[in-house]
Amino acid sequence: MSLDFSLTKRRTVDYELASFNITHNLVDMADAAGIYDCLWRPEVCNIEKARQLTPILDKALEDLIARPAHYKQFSSPNGWGTYASFILFVSNVLEACRRYPDAKIHADR
């Protein structure tokens, strides 16, 4: 199981601007970084637009990079969900949020 996270823009129909996928094996790491709800359940945080997520991800990524030993303990023992893959996911989502600040956020769990 995984999270499908995307940014869309509405014209006559929604079209996808960016799309990412990450394993649910990383929910503990996301929770420890304080971004589980914002990524997996953005509606709980009242986050609808990419610009709302940018400062949250920026702060979390800074902490993830600053404390690798802390976060590596949440890597999945089976190898499906590692610290390195989570850093890449968060970095890519953050970059897309910066590029498309008015995009609508979708999280399919």
Protein backbone atom coordinates (compact mmCIF):
# COMPACT_ATOMS: atom_id res chain seq x y z
CA MET A 1 0.00 0.00 0.00
CA SER A 2 1.14 3.49 -0.69
CA LEU A 3 0.29 7.17 -0.76
CA ASP A 4 -0.37 8.76 -4.14
CA PHE A 5 0.22 12.48 -3.72
CA SER A 6 -0.47 14.90 -6.54
CA LEU A 7 -0.86 18.56 -7.39
CA THR A 8 -3.54 19.57 -9.87
CA LYS A 9 -4.86 22.67 -11.54
CA ARG A 10 -8.40 23.23 -12.70
CA ARG A 11 -9.20 24.57 -16.11
CA THR A 12 -12.21 22.95 -17.71
CA VAL A 13 -11.12 19.71 -15.99
CA ASP A 14 -8.48 18.92 -13.38
CA TYR A 15 -5.09 18.12 -14.84
CA GLU A 16 -2.09 16.81 -13.01
CA LEU A 17 0.95 19.05 -12.58
CA ALA A 18 3.02 16.67 -10.45
CA SER A 19 2.55 13.21 -9.01
CA PHE A 20 4.45 11.25 -6.36
CA ASN A 21 4.13 7.89 -4.68
CA ILE A 22 5.55 6.71 -1.36
CA THR A 23 5.10 3.53 0.65
CA HIS A 24 2.96 3.48 3.77
CA ASN A 25 5.98 1.89 5.46
CA LEU A 26 7.20 5.45 6.01
CA VAL A 27 4.25 6.72 8.02
CA ASP A 28 6.21 6.47 11.29
CA MET A 29 9.03 8.56 9.81
CA ALA A 30 6.54 11.09 8.46
CA ASP A 31 4.85 11.24 11.85
CA ALA A 32 8.17 11.74 13.64
CA ALA A 33 8.94 14.59 11.24
CA GLY A 34 5.54 16.14 11.97
CA ILE A 35 4.28 15.85 8.39
CA TYR A 36 2.18 12.69 8.35
CA ASP A 37 -1.16 14.45 8.51
CA CYS A 38 -0.10 17.17 6.07
CA LEU A 39 0.91 14.62 3.43
CA TRP A 40 -1.37 11.65 4.04
CA ARG A 41 -4.40 13.59 5.30
CA PRO A 42 -4.06 17.25 4.22
CA GLU A 43 -7.77 17.84 4.81
CA VAL A 44 -7.17 17.28 8.55
CA CYS A 45 -4.69 20.18 8.51
CA ASN A 46 -6.98 22.35 6.35
CA ILE A 47 -4.39 22.30 3.60
CA GLU A 48 -5.80 22.63 0.10
CA LYS A 49 -3.12 24.49 -1.86
CA ALA A 50 0.55 23.73 -2.39
CA ARG A 51 1.63 27.10 -0.98
CA GLN A 52 0.16 26.11 2.39
CA LEU A 53 2.33 23.00 2.50
CA THR A 54 5.62 24.66 1.47
CA PRO A 55 6.72 26.11 4.85
CA ILE A 56 5.75 22.91 6.66
CA LEU A 57 7.78 20.70 4.32
CA ASP A 58 10.68 23.15 4.32
CA LYS A 59 10.95 22.98 8.11
CA ALA A 60 10.54 19.20 8.18
CA LEU A 61 13.14 18.64 5.47
CA GLU A 62 15.61 20.80 7.35
CA ASP A 63 15.12 18.65 10.46
CA LEU A 64 15.24 15.39 8.48
CA ILE A 65 18.61 16.40 7.03
CA ALA A 66 19.94 17.70 10.35
CA ARG A 67 19.12 14.51 12.31
CA PRO A 68 19.61 11.49 10.04
CA ALA A 69 20.37 9.05 12.88
CA HIS A 70 17.07 9.91 14.55
CA TYR A 71 15.04 9.39 11.39
CA LYS A 72 16.88 6.34 10.04
CA GLN A 73 15.50 4.31 12.93
CA PHE A 74 12.09 4.61 11.26
CA SER A 75 13.28 3.02 8.00
CA SER A 76 11.37 -0.13 7.14
CA PRO A 77 13.27 -3.30 8.12
CA ASN A 78 12.25 -4.97 4.84
CA GLY A 79 13.88 -2.19 2.79
CA TRP A 80 10.57 -0.94 1.36
CA GLY A 81 10.78 2.57 2.78
CA THR A 82 14.10 4.10 3.73
CA TYR A 83 15.34 7.38 5.09
CA ALA A 84 16.94 8.14 1.70
CA SER A 85 13.71 7.48 -0.20
CA PHE A 86 11.75 9.67 2.23
CA ILE A 87 14.23 12.55 1.88
CA LEU A 88 13.88 12.31 -1.90
CA PHE A 89 10.07 12.19 -1.69
CA VAL A 90 9.85 15.22 0.63
CA SER A 91 12.38 17.14 -1.49
CA ASN A 92 10.47 16.43 -4.69
CA VAL A 93 7.09 17.32 -3.22
CA LEU A 94 8.54 20.54 -1.77
CA GLU A 95 10.05 21.49 -5.13
CA ALA A 96 6.72 20.89 -6.87
CA CYS A 97 4.86 22.94 -4.24
CA ARG A 98 7.25 25.82 -4.83
CA ARG A 99 6.85 25.51 -8.60
CA TYR A 100 3.04 25.30 -8.47
CA PRO A 101 1.98 27.27 -5.37
CA ASP A 102 -1.67 27.58 -6.46
CA ALA A 103 -2.06 23.88 -7.26
CA LYS A 104 -4.64 21.86 -5.39
CA ILE A 105 -3.34 19.01 -3.23
CA HIS A 106 -4.68 15.47 -3.54
CA ALA A 107 -3.72 12.56 -1.31
CA ASP A 108 -5.04 9.11 -2.13
CA ARG A 109 -4.38 6.56 0.57
